[in-house]
Amino acid sequence: MAKCIVKLLKFIIMRKIIHLEDQGQDLLRLILENGKVVEEQPVNQGVYIGGYVPKYELEVGQPCPMHCPPHIEFGYLKYNVTKIESETEK
């Protein structure tokens, strides 16, 4: 039974949409799957694709944490998080 549950959990994708404060930049939202950046919106330049957002540091009103070598190594974006949306896909 436990092995079946572990196998099922591998197929569940935790998806989050991180909204950033608008200071005139092209990046307003990050789409994450299991903590990994898979899309940038509204302009997808690909700079942060493949980077990680540590969920233990993610809070509304605080700068968005980011790990995306070689651009940012365990640092923060200069924009605060305004909203976090969560959903689960199977």
PDB file of N, CA and C in Angstrom:
ATOM      1  N   MET A   1       0.821  -1.201   0.000  1.00  0.00           N
ATOM      2  CA  MET A   1       0.000   0.000   0.000  1.00  0.00           C
ATOM      3  C   MET A   1       0.861   1.259   0.000  1.00  0.00           C
ATOM      4  N   ALA A   2       1.887   1.286   0.857  1.00  0.00           N
ATOM      5  CA  ALA A   2       2.751   2.463   0.943  1.00  0.00           C
ATOM      6  C   ALA A   2       3.493   2.706  -0.370  1.00  0.00           C
ATOM      7  N   LYS A   3       3.904   1.629  -1.048  1.00  0.00           N
ATOM      8  CA  LYS A   3       4.619   1.778  -2.320  1.00  0.00           C
ATOM      9  C   LYS A   3       3.707   2.395  -3.379  1.00  0.00           C
ATOM     10  N   CYS A   4       2.435   2.023  -3.360  1.00  0.00           N
ATOM     11  CA  CYS A   4       1.476   2.593  -4.315  1.00  0.00           C
ATOM     12  C   CYS A   4       1.304   4.089  -4.092  1.00  0.00           C
ATOM     13  N   ILE A   5       1.243   4.500  -2.843  1.00  0.00           N
ATOM     14  CA  ILE A   5       1.093   5.923  -2.518  1.00  0.00           C
ATOM     15  C   ILE A   5       2.310   6.707  -2.981  1.00  0.00           C
ATOM     16  N   VAL A   6       3.508   6.172  -2.760  1.00  0.00           N
ATOM     17  CA  VAL A   6       4.737   6.843  -3.202  1.00  0.00           C
ATOM     18  C   VAL A   6       4.743   6.988  -4.712  1.00  0.00           C
ATOM     19  N   LYS A   7       4.334   5.947  -5.427  1.00  0.00           N
ATOM     20  CA  LYS A   7       4.283   6.022  -6.888  1.00  0.00           C
ATOM     21  C   LYS A   7       3.290   7.082  -7.353  1.00  0.00           C
ATOM     22  N   LEU A   8       2.136   7.170  -6.686  1.00  0.00           N
ATOM     23  CA  LEU A   8       1.148   8.184  -7.039  1.00  0.00           C
ATOM     24  C   LEU A   8       1.666   9.595  -6.800  1.00  0.00           C
ATOM     25  N   LEU A   9       2.365   9.812  -5.701  1.00  0.00           N
ATOM     26  CA  LEU A   9       2.888  11.141  -5.374  1.00  0.00           C
ATOM     27  C   LEU A   9       3.891  11.626  -6.406  1.00  0.00           C
ATOM     28  N   LYS A  10       4.589  10.721  -7.077  1.00  0.00           N
ATOM     29  CA  LYS A  10       5.545  11.120  -8.109  1.00  0.00           C
ATOM     30  C   LYS A  10       4.849  11.767  -9.297  1.00  0.00           C
ATOM     31  N   PHE A  11       3.556  11.446  -9.493  1.00  0.00           N
ATOM     32  CA  PHE A  11       2.818  11.978 -10.633  1.00  0.00           C
ATOM     33  C   PHE A  11       2.029  13.235 -10.295  1.00  0.00           C
ATOM     34  N   ILE A  12       1.973  13.608  -9.039  1.00  0.00           N
ATOM     35  CA  ILE A  12       1.259  14.815  -8.641  1.00  0.00           C
ATOM     36  C   ILE A  12       2.199  16.010  -8.757  1.00  0.00           C
ATOM     37  N   ILE A  13       1.780  17.015  -9.472  1.00  0.00           N
ATOM     38  CA  ILE A  13       2.605  18.204  -9.673  1.00  0.00           C
ATOM     39  C   ILE A  13       2.001  19.351  -8.870  1.00  0.00           C
ATOM     40  N   MET A  14       2.805  19.923  -7.984  1.00  0.00           N
ATOM     41  CA  MET A  14       2.377  21.099  -7.237  1.00  0.00           C
ATOM     42  C   MET A  14       2.725  22.317  -8.078  1.00  0.00           C
ATOM     43  N   ARG A  15       1.724  23.062  -8.464  1.00  0.00           N
ATOM     44  CA  ARG A  15       1.928  24.222  -9.335  1.00  0.00           C
ATOM     45  C   ARG A  15       1.595  25.488  -8.551  1.00  0.00           C
ATOM     46  N   LYS A  16       2.462  26.479  -8.639  1.00  0.00           N
ATOM     47  CA  LYS A  16       2.242  27.761  -7.976  1.00  0.00           C
ATOM     48  C   LYS A  16       2.438  28.883  -8.983  1.00  0.00           C
ATOM     49  N   ILE A  17       1.671  29.932  -8.792  1.00  0.00           N
ATOM     50  CA  ILE A  17       1.851  31.154  -9.568  1.00  0.00           C
ATOM     51  C   ILE A  17       2.230  32.236  -8.575  1.00  0.00           C
ATOM     52  N   ILE A  18       3.414  32.778  -8.745  1.00  0.00           N
ATOM     53  CA  ILE A  18       3.932  33.823  -7.870  1.00  0.00           C
ATOM     54  C   ILE A  18       3.750  35.157  -8.581  1.00  0.00           C
ATOM     55  N   HIS A  19       2.979  36.055  -7.984  1.00  0.00           N
ATOM     56  CA  HIS A  19       2.755  37.389  -8.543  1.00  0.00           C
ATOM     57  C   HIS A  19       3.742  38.349  -7.880  1.00  0.00           C
ATOM     58  N   LEU A  20       4.382  39.172  -8.697  1.00  0.00           N
ATOM     59  CA  LEU A  20       5.377  40.133  -8.210  1.00  0.00           C
ATOM     60  C   LEU A  20       4.840  41.553  -8.354  1.00  0.00           C
ATOM     61  N   GLU A  21       5.309  42.441  -7.469  1.00  0.00           N
ATOM     62  CA  GLU A  21       4.873  43.831  -7.551  1.00  0.00           C
ATOM     63  C   GLU A  21       5.338  44.438  -8.870  1.00  0.00           C
ATOM     64  N   ASP A  22       4.518  45.322  -9.414  1.00  0.00           N
ATOM     65  CA  ASP A  22       4.794  45.944 -10.707  1.00  0.00           C
ATOM     66  C   ASP A  22       5.560  47.241 -10.501  1.00  0.00           C
ATOM     67  N   GLN A  23       6.807  47.227 -10.942  1.00  0.00           N
ATOM     68  CA  GLN A  23       7.640  48.436 -10.921  1.00  0.00           C
ATOM     69  C   GLN A  23       8.070  48.796 -12.341  1.00  0.00           C
ATOM     70  N   GLY A  24       7.253  48.372 -13.322  1.00  0.00           N
ATOM     71  CA  GLY A  24       7.548  48.664 -14.718  1.00  0.00           C
ATOM     72  C   GLY A  24       8.380  47.595 -15.403  1.00  0.00           C
ATOM     73  N   GLN A  25       8.707  46.499 -14.719  1.00  0.00           N
ATOM     74  CA  GLN A  25       9.524  45.434 -15.298  1.00  0.00           C
ATOM     75  C   GLN A  25       8.669  44.510 -16.171  1.00  0.00           C
ATOM     76  N   ASP A  26       9.335  43.689 -16.985  1.00  0.00           N
ATOM     77  CA  ASP A  26       8.637  42.744 -17.863  1.00  0.00           C
ATOM     78  C   ASP A  26       8.181  41.493 -17.120  1.00  0.00           C
ATOM     79  N   LEU A  27       8.741  41.229 -15.960  1.00  0.00           N
ATOM     80  CA  LEU A  27       8.432  40.017 -15.197  1.00  0.00           C
ATOM     81  C   LEU A  27       7.427  40.333 -14.091  1.00  0.00           C
ATOM     82  N   LEU A  28       6.197  39.822 -14.243  1.00  0.00           N
ATOM     83  CA  LEU A  28       5.162  40.058 -13.234  1.00  0.00           C
ATOM     84  C   LEU A  28       4.725  38.778 -12.540  1.00  0.00           C
ATOM     85  N   ARG A  29       4.913  37.625 -13.207  1.00  0.00           N
ATOM     86  CA  ARG A  29       4.511  36.346 -12.638  1.00  0.00           C
ATOM     87  C   ARG A  29       5.544  35.272 -12.953  1.00  0.00           C
ATOM     88  N   LEU A  30       5.757  34.386 -11.977  1.00  0.00           N
ATOM     89  CA  LEU A  30       6.569  33.192 -12.180  1.00  0.00           C
ATOM     90  C   LEU A  30       5.654  31.988 -12.003  1.00  0.00           C
ATOM     91  N   ILE A  31       5.693  31.063 -12.942  1.00  0.00           N
ATOM     92  CA  ILE A  31       4.914  29.829 -12.843  1.00  0.00           C
ATOM     93  C   ILE A  31       5.885  28.737 -12.398  1.00  0.00           C
ATOM     94  N   LEU A  32       5.568  28.090 -11.263  1.00  0.00           N
ATOM     95  CA  LEU A  32       6.434  27.059 -10.698  1.00  0.00           C
ATOM     96  C   LEU A  32       5.753  25.706 -10.744  1.00  0.00           C
ATOM     97  N   GLU A  33       6.532  24.665 -10.976  1.00  0.00           N
ATOM     98  CA  GLU A  33       6.074  23.294 -10.812  1.00  0.00           C
ATOM     99  C   GLU A  33       7.062  22.621  -9.873  1.00  0.00           C
ATOM    100  N   ASN A  34       6.575  22.240  -8.695  1.00  0.00           N
ATOM    101  CA  ASN A  34       7.405  21.634  -7.646  1.00  0.00           C
ATOM    102  C   ASN A  34       8.608  22.507  -7.302  1.00  0.00           C
ATOM    103  N   GLY A  35       8.407  23.814  -7.276  1.00  0.00           N
ATOM    104  CA  GLY A  35       9.455  24.750  -6.887  1.00  0.00           C
ATOM    105  C   GLY A  35      10.347  25.214  -8.018  1.00  0.00           C
ATOM    106  N   LYS A  36      10.244  24.608  -9.183  1.00  0.00           N
ATOM    107  CA  LYS A  36      11.088  24.950 -10.328  1.00  0.00           C
ATOM    108  C   LYS A  36      10.339  25.901 -11.259  1.00  0.00           C
ATOM    109  N   VAL A  37      11.019  26.952 -11.708  1.00  0.00           N
ATOM    110  CA  VAL A  37      10.409  27.930 -12.616  1.00  0.00           C
ATOM    111  C   VAL A  37      10.268  27.302 -14.005  1.00  0.00           C
ATOM    112  N   VAL A  38       9.017  27.240 -14.506  1.00  0.00           N
ATOM    113  CA  VAL A  38       8.766  26.676 -15.829  1.00  0.00           C
ATOM    114  C   VAL A  38       8.276  27.716 -16.825  1.00  0.00           C
ATOM    115  N   GLU A  39       7.869  28.885 -16.312  1.00  0.00           N
ATOM    116  CA  GLU A  39       7.384  29.939 -17.205  1.00  0.00           C
ATOM    117  C   GLU A  39       7.482  31.295 -16.523  1.00  0.00           C
ATOM    118  N   GLU A  40       7.736  32.322 -17.330  1.00  0.00           N
ATOM    119  CA  GLU A  40       7.749  33.711 -16.860  1.00  0.00           C
ATOM    120  C   GLU A  40       6.656  34.443 -17.625  1.00  0.00           C
ATOM    121  N   GLN A  41       5.920  35.315 -16.950  1.00  0.00           N
ATOM    122  CA  GLN A  41       4.851  36.053 -17.633  1.00  0.00           C
ATOM    123  C   GLN A  41       4.930  37.524 -17.277  1.00  0.00           C
ATOM    124  N   PRO A  42       4.482  38.452 -18.056  1.00  0.00           N
ATOM    125  CA  PRO A  42       3.883  38.283 -19.370  1.00  0.00           C
ATOM    126  C   PRO A  42       4.910  38.107 -20.480  1.00  0.00           C
ATOM    127  N   VAL A  43       6.144  38.521 -20.297  1.00  0.00           N
ATOM    128  CA  VAL A  43       7.187  38.355 -21.310  1.00  0.00           C
ATOM    129  C   VAL A  43       8.094  37.216 -20.878  1.00  0.00           C
ATOM    130  N   ASN A  44       8.158  36.171 -21.702  1.00  0.00           N
ATOM    131  CA  ASN A  44       8.953  35.000 -21.358  1.00  0.00           C
ATOM    132  C   ASN A  44      10.345  35.119 -21.981  1.00  0.00           C
ATOM    133  N   GLN A  45      11.302  35.686 -21.214  1.00  0.00           N
ATOM    134  CA  GLN A  45      12.660  35.873 -21.717  1.00  0.00           C
ATOM    135  C   GLN A  45      13.542  34.656 -21.439  1.00  0.00           C
ATOM    136  N   GLY A  46      13.113  33.778 -20.547  1.00  0.00           N
ATOM    137  CA  GLY A  46      13.856  32.558 -20.267  1.00  0.00           C
ATOM    138  C   GLY A  46      14.999  32.708 -19.289  1.00  0.00           C
ATOM    139  N   VAL A  47      15.160  33.875 -18.683  1.00  0.00           N
ATOM    140  CA  VAL A  47      16.272  34.114 -17.763  1.00  0.00           C
ATOM    141  C   VAL A  47      16.179  33.228 -16.533  1.00  0.00           C
ATOM    142  N   TYR A  48      14.980  33.069 -15.978  1.00  0.00           N
ATOM    143  CA  TYR A  48      14.813  32.326 -14.729  1.00  0.00           C
ATOM    144  C   TYR A  48      14.269  30.917 -14.927  1.00  0.00           C
ATOM    145  N   ILE A  49      14.008  30.501 -16.174  1.00  0.00           N
ATOM    146  CA  ILE A  49      13.512  29.152 -16.439  1.00  0.00           C
ATOM    147  C   ILE A  49      14.547  28.140 -15.940  1.00  0.00           C
ATOM    148  N   GLY A  50      14.078  27.171 -15.166  1.00  0.00           N
ATOM    149  CA  GLY A  50      14.978  26.160 -14.602  1.00  0.00           C
ATOM    150  C   GLY A  50      15.501  26.525 -13.224  1.00  0.00           C
ATOM    151  N   GLY A  51      15.271  27.765 -12.801  1.00  0.00           N
ATOM    152  CA  GLY A  51      15.684  28.184 -11.460  1.00  0.00           C
ATOM    153  C   GLY A  51      14.706  27.671 -10.414  1.00  0.00           C
ATOM    154  N   TYR A  52      15.070  27.805  -9.154  1.00  0.00           N
ATOM    155  CA  TYR A  52      14.228  27.329  -8.053  1.00  0.00           C
ATOM    156  C   TYR A  52      13.864  28.459  -7.104  1.00  0.00           C
ATOM    157  N   VAL A  53      12.640  28.397  -6.601  1.00  0.00           N
ATOM    158  CA  VAL A  53      12.177  29.330  -5.582  1.00  0.00           C
ATOM    159  C   VAL A  53      11.983  28.506  -4.304  1.00  0.00           C
ATOM    160  N   PRO A  54      12.850  28.728  -3.291  1.00  0.00           N
ATOM    161  CA  PRO A  54      12.714  27.966  -2.042  1.00  0.00           C
ATOM    162  C   PRO A  54      11.419  28.314  -1.325  1.00  0.00           C
ATOM    163  N   LYS A  55      10.509  27.335  -1.211  1.00  0.00           N
ATOM    164  CA  LYS A  55       9.184  27.617  -0.647  1.00  0.00           C
ATOM    165  C   LYS A  55       9.224  27.968   0.823  1.00  0.00           C
ATOM    166  N   TYR A  56      10.254  27.534   1.541  1.00  0.00           N
ATOM    167  CA  TYR A  56      10.315  27.841   2.975  1.00  0.00           C
ATOM    168  C   TYR A  56      10.578  29.319   3.229  1.00  0.00           C
ATOM    169  N   GLU A  57      11.035  30.065   2.230  1.00  0.00           N
ATOM    170  CA  GLU A  57      11.296  31.497   2.387  1.00  0.00           C
ATOM    171  C   GLU A  57      10.249  32.365   1.703  1.00  0.00           C
ATOM    172  N   LEU A  58       9.311  31.774   1.000  1.00  0.00           N
ATOM    173  CA  LEU A  58       8.361  32.509   0.182  1.00  0.00           C
ATOM    174  C   LEU A  58       7.238  33.096   1.032  1.00  0.00           C
ATOM    175  N   GLU A  59       7.145  34.434   1.048  1.00  0.00           N
ATOM    176  CA  GLU A  59       6.110  35.116   1.824  1.00  0.00           C
ATOM    177  C   GLU A  59       5.604  36.327   1.056  1.00  0.00           C
ATOM    178  N   VAL A  60       4.315  36.583   1.147  1.00  0.00           N
ATOM    179  CA  VAL A  60       3.726  37.776   0.543  1.00  0.00           C
ATOM    180  C   VAL A  60       4.287  39.007   1.265  1.00  0.00           C
ATOM    181  N   GLY A  61       4.661  40.021   0.484  1.00  0.00           N
ATOM    182  CA  GLY A  61       5.199  41.253   1.051  1.00  0.00           C
ATOM    183  C   GLY A  61       6.714  41.263   1.185  1.00  0.00           C
ATOM    184  N   GLN A  62       7.353  40.125   0.901  1.00  0.00           N
ATOM    185  CA  GLN A  62       8.809  40.015   0.997  1.00  0.00           C
ATOM    186  C   GLN A  62       9.400  39.831  -0.397  1.00  0.00           C
ATOM    187  N   PRO A  63      10.697  40.161  -0.583  1.00  0.00           N
ATOM    188  CA  PRO A  63      11.328  39.910  -1.880  1.00  0.00           C
ATOM    189  C   PRO A  63      11.281  38.423  -2.224  1.00  0.00           C
ATOM    190  N   CYS A  64      11.113  38.116  -3.502  1.00  0.00           N
ATOM    191  CA  CYS A  64      11.001  36.734  -3.961  1.00  0.00           C
ATOM    192  C   CYS A  64      12.366  36.045  -3.929  1.00  0.00           C
ATOM    193  N   PRO A  65      12.508  34.960  -3.155  1.00  0.00           N
ATOM    194  CA  PRO A  65      13.777  34.229  -3.126  1.00  0.00           C
ATOM    195  C   PRO A  65      13.973  33.488  -4.446  1.00  0.00           C
ATOM    196  N   MET A  66      15.234  33.346  -4.862  1.00  0.00           N
ATOM    197  CA  MET A  66      15.517  32.705  -6.145  1.00  0.00           C
ATOM    198  C   MET A  66      16.898  32.075  -6.121  1.00  0.00           C
ATOM    199  N   HIS A  67      16.990  30.889  -6.695  1.00  0.00           N
ATOM    200  CA  HIS A  67      18.288  30.255  -6.936  1.00  0.00           C
ATOM    201  C   HIS A  67      18.306  29.874  -8.406  1.00  0.00           C
ATOM    202  N   CYS A  68      19.095  30.608  -9.191  1.00  0.00           N
ATOM    203  CA  CYS A  68      19.137  30.399 -10.638  1.00  0.00           C
ATOM    204  C   CYS A  68      20.541  30.722 -11.158  1.00  0.00           C
ATOM    205  N   PRO A  69      21.509  29.820 -10.893  1.00  0.00           N
ATOM    206  CA  PRO A  69      22.865  30.075 -11.366  1.00  0.00           C
ATOM    207  C   PRO A  69      22.898  30.205 -12.886  1.00  0.00           C
ATOM    208  N   PRO A  70      23.702  31.028 -13.471  1.00  0.00           N
ATOM    209  CA  PRO A  70      24.710  31.893 -12.859  1.00  0.00           C
ATOM    210  C   PRO A  70      24.175  33.279 -12.507  1.00  0.00           C
ATOM    211  N   HIS A  71      22.883  33.535 -12.755  1.00  0.00           N
ATOM    212  CA  HIS A  71      22.319  34.866 -12.526  1.00  0.00           C
ATOM    213  C   HIS A  71      22.175  35.202 -11.039  1.00  0.00           C
ATOM    214  N   ILE A  72      21.568  34.290 -10.284  1.00  0.00           N
ATOM    215  CA  ILE A  72      21.333  34.511  -8.847  1.00  0.00           C
ATOM    216  C   ILE A  72      21.648  33.210  -8.116  1.00  0.00           C
ATOM    217  N   GLU A  73      22.519  33.282  -7.137  1.00  0.00           N
ATOM    218  CA  GLU A  73      22.834  32.100  -6.336  1.00  0.00           C
ATOM    219  C   GLU A  73      22.335  32.322  -4.918  1.00  0.00           C
ATOM    220  N   PHE A  74      21.243  31.648  -4.580  1.00  0.00           N
ATOM    221  CA  PHE A  74      20.612  31.739  -3.266  1.00  0.00           C
ATOM    222  C   PHE A  74      20.407  33.195  -2.841  1.00  0.00           C
ATOM    223  N   GLY A  75      19.772  33.950  -3.731  1.00  0.00           N
ATOM    224  CA  GLY A  75      19.520  35.361  -3.459  1.00  0.00           C
ATOM    225  C   GLY A  75      18.047  35.688  -3.593  1.00  0.00           C
ATOM    226  N   TYR A  76      17.772  36.939  -3.933  1.00  0.00           N
ATOM    227  CA  TYR A  76      16.396  37.425  -4.030  1.00  0.00           C
ATOM    228  C   TYR A  76      16.238  38.288  -5.268  1.00  0.00           C
ATOM    229  N   LEU A  77      15.028  38.270  -5.837  1.00  0.00           N
ATOM    230  CA  LEU A  77      14.689  39.244  -6.861  1.00  0.00           C
ATOM    231  C   LEU A  77      14.425  40.567  -6.157  1.00  0.00           C
ATOM    232  N   LYS A  78      14.498  41.670  -6.878  1.00  0.00           N
ATOM    233  CA  LYS A  78      14.284  42.962  -6.214  1.00  0.00           C
ATOM    234  C   LYS A  78      12.810  43.357  -6.145  1.00  0.00           C
ATOM    235  N   TYR A  79      11.928  42.414  -6.465  1.00  0.00           N
ATOM    236  CA  TYR A  79      10.499  42.678  -6.442  1.00  0.00           C
ATOM    237  C   TYR A  79       9.836  41.847  -5.345  1.00  0.00           C
ATOM    238  N   ASN A  80       8.925  42.466  -4.611  1.00  0.00           N
ATOM    239  CA  ASN A  80       8.216  41.766  -3.547  1.00  0.00           C
ATOM    240  C   ASN A  80       7.107  40.888  -4.119  1.00  0.00           C
ATOM    241  N   VAL A  81       6.804  39.815  -3.417  1.00  0.00           N
ATOM    242  CA  VAL A  81       5.704  38.918  -3.769  1.00  0.00           C
ATOM    243  C   VAL A  81       4.400  39.592  -3.338  1.00  0.00           C
ATOM    244  N   THR A  82       3.432  39.684  -4.265  1.00  0.00           N
ATOM    245  CA  THR A  82       2.146  40.295  -3.924  1.00  0.00           C
ATOM    246  C   THR A  82       1.051  39.254  -3.711  1.00  0.00           C
ATOM    247  N   LYS A  83       1.205  38.073  -4.334  1.00  0.00           N
ATOM    248  CA  LYS A  83       0.172  37.048  -4.220  1.00  0.00           C
ATOM    249  C   LYS A  83       0.777  35.700  -4.591  1.00  0.00           C
ATOM    250  N   ILE A  84       0.295  34.636  -3.942  1.00  0.00           N
ATOM    251  CA  ILE A  84       0.732  33.273  -4.248  1.00  0.00           C
ATOM    252  C   ILE A  84      -0.521  32.439  -4.507  1.00  0.00           C
ATOM    253  N   GLU A  85      -0.599  31.847  -5.695  1.00  0.00           N
ATOM    254  CA  GLU A  85      -1.708  30.959  -6.037  1.00  0.00           C
ATOM    255  C   GLU A  85      -1.173  29.535  -6.108  1.00  0.00           C
ATOM    256  N   SER A  86      -1.910  28.580  -5.556  1.00  0.00           N
ATOM    257  CA  SER A  86      -1.502  27.184  -5.578  1.00  0.00           C
ATOM    258  C   SER A  86      -2.560  26.326  -6.246  1.00  0.00           C
ATOM    259  N   GLU A  87      -2.095  25.294  -6.955  1.00  0.00           N
ATOM    260  CA  GLU A  87      -3.006  24.310  -7.508  1.00  0.00           C
ATOM    261  C   GLU A  87      -2.246  22.999  -7.672  1.00  0.00           C
ATOM    262  N   THR A  88      -2.975  21.908  -7.727  1.00  0.00           N
ATOM    263  CA  THR A  88      -2.376  20.587  -7.887  1.00  0.00           C
ATOM    264  C   THR A  88      -2.892  19.980  -9.181  1.00  0.00           C
ATOM    265  N   GLU A  89      -1.957  19.415  -9.959  1.00  0.00           N
ATOM    266  CA  GLU A  89      -2.338  18.758 -11.212  1.00  0.00           C
ATOM    267  C   GLU A  89      -1.993  17.284 -11.097  1.00  0.00           C
ATOM    268  N   LYS A  90      -2.751  16.457 -11.824  1.00  0.00           N
ATOM    269  CA  LYS A  90      -2.442  15.023 -11.889  1.00  0.00           C
ATOM    270  C   LYS A  90      -2.212  14.626 -13.315  1.00  0.00           C
TER     271      LYS A  90
END
